[in-house]
N, C-alpha and C. Protein backbone atom coordinates (compact mmCIF):
# COMPACT_ATOMS: atom_id res chain seq x y z
N MET A 1 36.74 13.68 -152.47
CA MET A 1 35.57 12.60 -152.58
C MET A 1 34.89 12.71 -151.21
N ASN A 2 33.50 12.60 -151.39
CA ASN A 2 32.60 12.69 -150.64
C ASN A 2 32.03 11.21 -150.06
N LEU A 3 32.37 11.11 -148.83
CA LEU A 3 31.83 9.55 -148.35
C LEU A 3 30.43 9.98 -147.44
N ASN A 4 29.46 9.18 -147.78
CA ASN A 4 28.43 9.18 -146.80
C ASN A 4 28.39 8.01 -146.02
N LEU A 5 28.90 8.06 -144.88
CA LEU A 5 29.10 6.83 -144.00
C LEU A 5 27.85 5.85 -143.63
N HIS A 6 26.72 6.65 -143.73
CA HIS A 6 25.45 5.67 -143.60
C HIS A 6 25.18 4.97 -144.80
N SER A 7 25.97 5.10 -145.96
CA SER A 7 25.67 4.56 -147.16
C SER A 7 26.71 3.43 -147.12
N ILE A 8 27.74 3.10 -146.38
CA ILE A 8 28.77 2.16 -146.50
C ILE A 8 28.11 0.92 -145.97
N GLN A 9 28.24 -0.21 -146.74
CA GLN A 9 27.74 -1.50 -146.37
C GLN A 9 29.06 -2.19 -145.90
N PRO A 10 28.93 -3.04 -144.80
CA PRO A 10 29.80 -3.76 -144.27
C PRO A 10 30.15 -4.76 -145.27
N LEU A 11 31.40 -5.51 -145.45
CA LEU A 11 31.80 -6.49 -146.34
C LEU A 11 31.20 -7.81 -145.96
N VAL A 12 30.86 -7.94 -144.47
CA VAL A 12 30.38 -9.22 -143.84
C VAL A 12 29.57 -8.77 -142.85
N ARG A 13 28.37 -9.24 -142.85
CA ARG A 13 27.35 -9.22 -141.71
C ARG A 13 27.54 -9.78 -140.47
N ALA A 14 27.35 -9.11 -139.51
CA ALA A 14 27.65 -9.67 -138.13
C ALA A 14 27.29 -11.22 -137.89
N GLU A 15 26.06 -11.25 -138.33
CA GLU A 15 25.47 -12.53 -138.10
C GLU A 15 25.81 -13.59 -138.91
N HIS A 16 26.87 -13.34 -139.83
CA HIS A 16 27.52 -14.45 -140.69
C HIS A 16 28.83 -14.77 -140.04
N ILE A 17 29.06 -14.05 -138.75
CA ILE A 17 30.63 -14.43 -138.22
C ILE A 17 30.21 -15.31 -137.26
N ALA A 18 31.04 -16.29 -136.86
CA ALA A 18 31.02 -17.36 -135.90
C ALA A 18 31.00 -16.45 -134.30
N LEU A 19 30.18 -16.51 -133.46
CA LEU A 19 30.17 -15.89 -132.18
C LEU A 19 31.80 -15.88 -131.62
N LYS A 20 32.59 -17.17 -131.76
CA LYS A 20 33.89 -17.10 -131.09
C LYS A 20 34.77 -16.22 -132.08
N ASN A 21 34.41 -15.59 -133.13
CA ASN A 21 35.57 -15.07 -133.98
C ASN A 21 35.10 -13.42 -133.87
N ARG A 22 34.05 -13.21 -133.17
CA ARG A 22 33.62 -11.66 -133.21
C ARG A 22 34.24 -10.78 -132.28
N VAL A 23 34.40 -9.72 -132.64
CA VAL A 23 35.06 -8.65 -131.49
C VAL A 23 33.94 -7.93 -130.76
N TYR A 24 34.02 -7.78 -129.49
CA TYR A 24 33.05 -7.38 -128.55
C TYR A 24 33.65 -6.04 -127.93
N VAL A 25 32.80 -5.13 -127.88
CA VAL A 25 33.13 -3.95 -127.21
C VAL A 25 32.27 -3.61 -125.87
N ASN A 26 33.18 -3.32 -124.82
CA ASN A 26 32.33 -3.00 -123.50
C ASN A 26 32.02 -1.52 -123.52
N ARG A 27 30.76 -1.05 -123.78
CA ARG A 27 30.49 0.24 -123.86
C ARG A 27 30.44 0.60 -122.40
N ASN A 28 30.10 -0.15 -121.46
CA ASN A 28 29.71 0.31 -120.12
C ASN A 28 31.06 0.16 -119.08
N LEU A 29 32.24 0.63 -119.61
CA LEU A 29 33.13 0.43 -118.88
C LEU A 29 33.05 1.42 -117.61
N ARG A 30 33.32 1.08 -116.32
CA ARG A 30 33.14 1.99 -115.12
C ARG A 30 34.58 2.03 -114.57
N LEU A 31 35.04 3.14 -114.84
CA LEU A 31 36.55 3.08 -114.22
C LEU A 31 36.81 3.05 -112.81
N GLU A 32 35.72 3.42 -112.12
CA GLU A 32 36.03 3.59 -110.74
C GLU A 32 35.91 2.02 -110.33
N ASN A 33 35.83 0.98 -111.11
CA ASN A 33 35.68 -0.41 -110.58
C ASN A 33 37.00 -1.05 -111.29
N ILE A 34 37.94 -0.45 -111.85
CA ILE A 34 39.08 -0.85 -112.51
C ILE A 34 40.24 -0.61 -111.47
N THR A 35 40.88 -1.70 -111.20
CA THR A 35 41.97 -1.50 -110.02
C THR A 35 43.41 -1.82 -110.83
N HIS A 36 43.49 -2.36 -112.08
CA HIS A 36 44.67 -2.57 -112.54
C HIS A 36 44.51 -2.16 -114.30
N MET A 37 45.66 -1.71 -114.64
CA MET A 37 45.49 -1.44 -116.25
C MET A 37 46.75 -1.63 -116.69
N GLY A 38 46.90 -2.40 -117.83
CA GLY A 38 48.18 -2.81 -118.50
C GLY A 38 48.22 -2.12 -119.94
N PHE A 39 49.60 -2.21 -120.35
CA PHE A 39 49.69 -1.71 -121.68
C PHE A 39 50.25 -2.76 -122.63
N ASP A 40 49.70 -2.49 -124.02
CA ASP A 40 49.99 -3.40 -125.02
C ASP A 40 51.54 -2.86 -125.54
N MET A 41 52.67 -3.42 -124.64
CA MET A 41 53.84 -2.87 -124.99
C MET A 41 54.51 -3.58 -126.27
N ASP A 42 53.79 -4.79 -126.70
CA ASP A 42 54.34 -5.56 -127.77
C ASP A 42 54.24 -4.90 -129.11
N HIS A 43 53.52 -3.71 -129.35
CA HIS A 43 53.27 -3.04 -130.40
C HIS A 43 52.13 -3.53 -131.23
N THR A 44 51.41 -4.46 -130.89
CA THR A 44 50.41 -5.25 -131.65
C THR A 44 49.26 -4.40 -131.88
N LEU A 45 48.67 -3.45 -130.95
CA LEU A 45 47.69 -2.81 -131.04
C LEU A 45 47.84 -1.31 -131.08
N ALA A 46 49.25 -0.64 -130.74
CA ALA A 46 49.44 0.59 -130.87
C ALA A 46 51.01 0.76 -131.05
N VAL A 47 51.30 1.80 -131.74
CA VAL A 47 52.73 2.15 -131.66
C VAL A 47 53.27 3.13 -130.74
N TYR A 48 54.07 2.91 -129.88
CA TYR A 48 54.50 3.76 -128.70
C TYR A 48 55.84 4.55 -129.05
N ASN A 49 55.90 5.81 -128.28
CA ASN A 49 57.03 6.54 -128.56
C ASN A 49 57.97 6.15 -127.23
N HIS A 50 58.91 6.85 -127.01
CA HIS A 50 60.24 6.62 -126.06
C HIS A 50 59.41 7.23 -124.68
N GLN A 51 58.61 7.98 -124.86
CA GLN A 51 57.88 8.73 -123.42
C GLN A 51 57.19 7.82 -122.66
N ILE A 52 56.23 6.83 -123.54
CA ILE A 52 55.69 5.72 -122.51
C ILE A 52 56.54 4.76 -121.98
N GLU A 53 57.74 4.34 -122.65
CA GLU A 53 58.71 3.68 -122.15
C GLU A 53 59.54 4.22 -120.67
N ILE A 54 59.61 5.48 -121.03
CA ILE A 54 60.43 6.37 -119.71
C ILE A 54 59.21 6.49 -118.62
N LEU A 55 58.04 6.75 -119.06
CA LEU A 55 56.96 6.72 -117.97
C LEU A 55 56.74 5.48 -117.19
N ALA A 56 56.62 4.43 -118.16
CA ALA A 56 56.46 3.07 -117.29
C ALA A 56 57.82 2.63 -116.22
N PHE A 57 58.96 3.08 -116.90
CA PHE A 57 60.27 2.75 -116.15
C PHE A 57 60.08 3.56 -114.70
N ASN A 58 59.86 4.84 -114.97
CA ASN A 58 59.93 5.78 -113.70
C ASN A 58 58.99 5.61 -112.75
N LEU A 59 57.77 5.10 -113.00
CA LEU A 59 56.57 4.69 -112.24
C LEU A 59 56.97 3.53 -111.55
N THR A 60 57.42 2.34 -112.38
CA THR A 60 57.93 1.04 -111.70
C THR A 60 58.91 1.23 -110.66
N ARG A 61 59.96 2.18 -111.12
CA ARG A 61 61.09 2.32 -110.00
C ARG A 61 60.68 3.06 -109.08
N ASP A 62 59.82 3.90 -109.12
CA ASP A 62 59.32 4.80 -107.67
C ASP A 62 58.36 3.63 -106.84
N ARG A 63 57.80 2.94 -107.49
CA ARG A 63 56.76 2.13 -106.73
C ARG A 63 57.71 0.91 -105.97
N LEU A 64 58.68 0.51 -106.65
CA LEU A 64 59.60 -0.72 -105.92
C LEU A 64 60.16 0.07 -104.59
N VAL A 65 60.54 1.29 -104.99
CA VAL A 65 61.20 2.07 -103.83
C VAL A 65 60.16 2.38 -102.56
N GLU A 66 59.07 3.03 -102.99
CA GLU A 66 57.93 3.47 -102.20
C GLU A 66 57.15 2.29 -101.35
N SER A 67 56.88 1.45 -102.02
CA SER A 67 56.06 0.26 -101.67
C SER A 67 56.40 -0.94 -101.44
N TYR A 68 57.79 -1.13 -101.87
CA TYR A 68 58.35 -2.66 -101.61
C TYR A 68 59.61 -2.45 -100.93
N GLY A 69 60.02 -1.36 -100.69
CA GLY A 69 61.31 -1.17 -99.74
C GLY A 69 62.63 -1.44 -100.38
N TYR A 70 62.58 -0.99 -101.77
CA TYR A 70 63.71 -1.18 -102.39
C TYR A 70 64.65 0.11 -102.04
N PRO A 71 65.93 -0.02 -102.21
CA PRO A 71 66.71 1.09 -101.88
C PRO A 71 66.54 2.41 -102.28
N GLN A 72 66.63 3.29 -101.45
CA GLN A 72 66.64 5.01 -102.19
C GLN A 72 67.30 5.08 -103.26
N ASP A 73 68.46 4.55 -103.32
CA ASP A 73 69.58 4.76 -104.15
C ASP A 73 68.92 4.40 -105.85
N LEU A 74 67.95 3.68 -105.71
CA LEU A 74 67.44 3.25 -107.06
C LEU A 74 66.92 4.25 -107.55
N CYS A 75 66.50 5.36 -107.05
CA CYS A 75 65.69 6.69 -107.64
C CYS A 75 66.75 7.25 -108.40
N ALA A 76 68.03 7.14 -108.34
CA ALA A 76 68.89 8.02 -109.14
C ALA A 76 68.96 6.99 -110.62
N THR A 77 68.56 6.07 -110.67
CA THR A 77 68.49 5.12 -111.89
C THR A 77 67.77 5.81 -113.05
N THR A 78 68.15 6.22 -114.15
CA THR A 78 67.32 6.64 -115.03
C THR A 78 67.28 5.71 -116.44
N TYR A 79 66.10 5.78 -117.18
CA TYR A 79 65.76 5.05 -118.25
C TYR A 79 66.80 5.45 -119.38
N GLU A 80 67.46 4.48 -120.03
CA GLU A 80 68.20 4.79 -121.19
C GLU A 80 67.75 4.17 -122.70
N VAL A 81 67.10 5.12 -123.32
CA VAL A 81 66.58 4.70 -124.60
C VAL A 81 67.50 3.83 -125.39
N GLY A 82 66.86 2.68 -125.86
CA GLY A 82 67.77 1.88 -126.63
C GLY A 82 68.47 0.70 -125.79
N SER A 83 68.20 0.87 -124.43
CA SER A 83 68.79 -0.20 -123.59
C SER A 83 67.94 -1.36 -123.29
N VAL A 84 66.70 -1.24 -123.75
CA VAL A 84 65.79 -2.41 -123.45
C VAL A 84 65.82 -3.25 -124.75
N LEU A 85 65.83 -4.54 -124.64
CA LEU A 85 65.53 -5.51 -125.57
C LEU A 85 64.46 -6.42 -125.13
N ARG A 86 63.70 -6.56 -126.28
CA ARG A 86 62.28 -7.41 -126.14
C ARG A 86 62.66 -8.67 -126.75
N GLY A 87 61.97 -9.84 -126.34
CA GLY A 87 62.14 -10.91 -127.08
C GLY A 87 63.37 -11.57 -126.80
N LEU A 88 63.94 -11.61 -125.81
CA LEU A 88 65.41 -12.15 -125.52
C LEU A 88 65.41 -13.73 -125.22
N ILE A 89 66.65 -14.21 -125.77
CA ILE A 89 66.75 -15.55 -125.06
C ILE A 89 67.83 -15.38 -124.10
N ILE A 90 67.69 -15.88 -122.99
CA ILE A 90 68.72 -15.70 -121.81
C ILE A 90 69.13 -16.98 -121.58
N ASP A 91 70.60 -16.96 -121.74
CA ASP A 91 71.45 -18.21 -121.44
C ASP A 91 71.97 -17.94 -120.06
N LYS A 92 71.45 -18.28 -119.06
CA LYS A 92 71.70 -17.95 -117.38
C LYS A 92 72.90 -18.52 -117.32
N LYS A 93 73.35 -19.67 -117.56
CA LYS A 93 74.73 -20.45 -117.52
C LYS A 93 75.86 -19.45 -117.82
N LYS A 94 75.74 -19.00 -119.20
CA LYS A 94 76.84 -18.42 -119.65
C LYS A 94 76.91 -16.94 -119.32
N GLY A 95 75.52 -16.40 -119.15
CA GLY A 95 75.44 -14.96 -119.04
C GLY A 95 75.12 -14.19 -120.10
N ASN A 96 74.74 -14.98 -121.27
CA ASN A 96 74.72 -14.38 -122.50
C ASN A 96 72.89 -13.87 -122.67
N LEU A 97 72.74 -12.75 -123.33
CA LEU A 97 71.45 -12.18 -123.77
C LEU A 97 71.50 -12.43 -125.46
N ILE A 98 70.57 -12.91 -125.95
CA ILE A 98 70.35 -13.24 -127.38
C ILE A 98 69.18 -12.48 -127.97
N LYS A 99 69.26 -11.60 -128.94
CA LYS A 99 68.13 -10.99 -129.53
C LYS A 99 67.88 -11.43 -130.88
N LEU A 100 66.83 -12.16 -131.18
CA LEU A 100 66.45 -12.75 -132.55
C LEU A 100 65.69 -11.80 -133.24
N ASP A 101 65.79 -11.47 -134.56
CA ASP A 101 64.91 -10.93 -135.36
C ASP A 101 63.47 -11.68 -135.69
N GLN A 102 62.54 -11.14 -136.62
CA GLN A 102 61.56 -11.94 -136.85
C GLN A 102 61.83 -13.22 -137.79
N HIS A 103 62.90 -13.32 -138.26
CA HIS A 103 63.35 -14.50 -139.18
C HIS A 103 64.10 -15.42 -138.26
N LYS A 104 64.40 -15.27 -136.98
CA LYS A 104 65.19 -16.08 -136.02
C LYS A 104 66.73 -16.00 -136.26
N TYR A 105 66.94 -14.80 -137.11
CA TYR A 105 68.50 -14.67 -137.07
C TYR A 105 69.06 -13.68 -135.85
N VAL A 106 70.04 -13.79 -135.35
CA VAL A 106 70.77 -13.00 -134.30
C VAL A 106 70.69 -11.76 -134.72
N GLU A 107 70.05 -10.77 -134.04
CA GLU A 107 70.20 -9.39 -134.06
C GLU A 107 71.10 -8.68 -133.41
N ASP A 108 71.38 -9.03 -132.02
CA ASP A 108 71.97 -8.56 -130.97
C ASP A 108 72.31 -9.68 -130.23
N ALA A 109 73.48 -9.69 -129.59
CA ALA A 109 74.10 -10.59 -128.51
C ALA A 109 74.86 -9.76 -127.45
N PHE A 110 74.66 -10.04 -126.28
CA PHE A 110 75.40 -9.62 -125.02
C PHE A 110 76.05 -10.65 -124.29
N HIS A 111 77.18 -10.40 -123.53
CA HIS A 111 77.65 -11.01 -122.50
C HIS A 111 77.57 -10.21 -121.29
N GLY A 112 76.56 -9.96 -120.42
CA GLY A 112 76.26 -9.01 -119.61
C GLY A 112 76.03 -7.95 -120.27
N THR A 113 76.85 -6.67 -120.15
CA THR A 113 76.48 -5.35 -121.02
C THR A 113 77.42 -5.38 -121.85
N ARG A 114 78.42 -6.29 -122.20
CA ARG A 114 79.21 -6.16 -123.17
C ARG A 114 78.85 -6.74 -124.73
N GLU A 115 78.64 -6.09 -125.65
CA GLU A 115 78.28 -6.72 -127.00
C GLU A 115 79.04 -7.44 -127.54
N ILE A 116 78.53 -8.77 -128.10
CA ILE A 116 79.55 -9.88 -128.56
C ILE A 116 79.13 -10.17 -129.85
């Protein structure tokens, strides 16, 4: 199938969308003025592989040692794929970590590092 992209008409014209609901693009992004950059690690905009998690872990670990005076022994710590849980409920009094799924059912539960 041959598509002529110039002949495709938008479903809704921009002028019919309220200003507060429009998506804007910054076409003049000057990277020399950027001092911090974040990652969308909740996978709402992109799907990441373990390499980005390993990179983020290693860079954070190294920064803690080099810039914030954490012990040099920390550099021996390596990232373990699958050891990170997002969206946790933390019970500080009992030392439990509870991970719920999208339907609010318990998916994983730990007491410290021991699975319960």
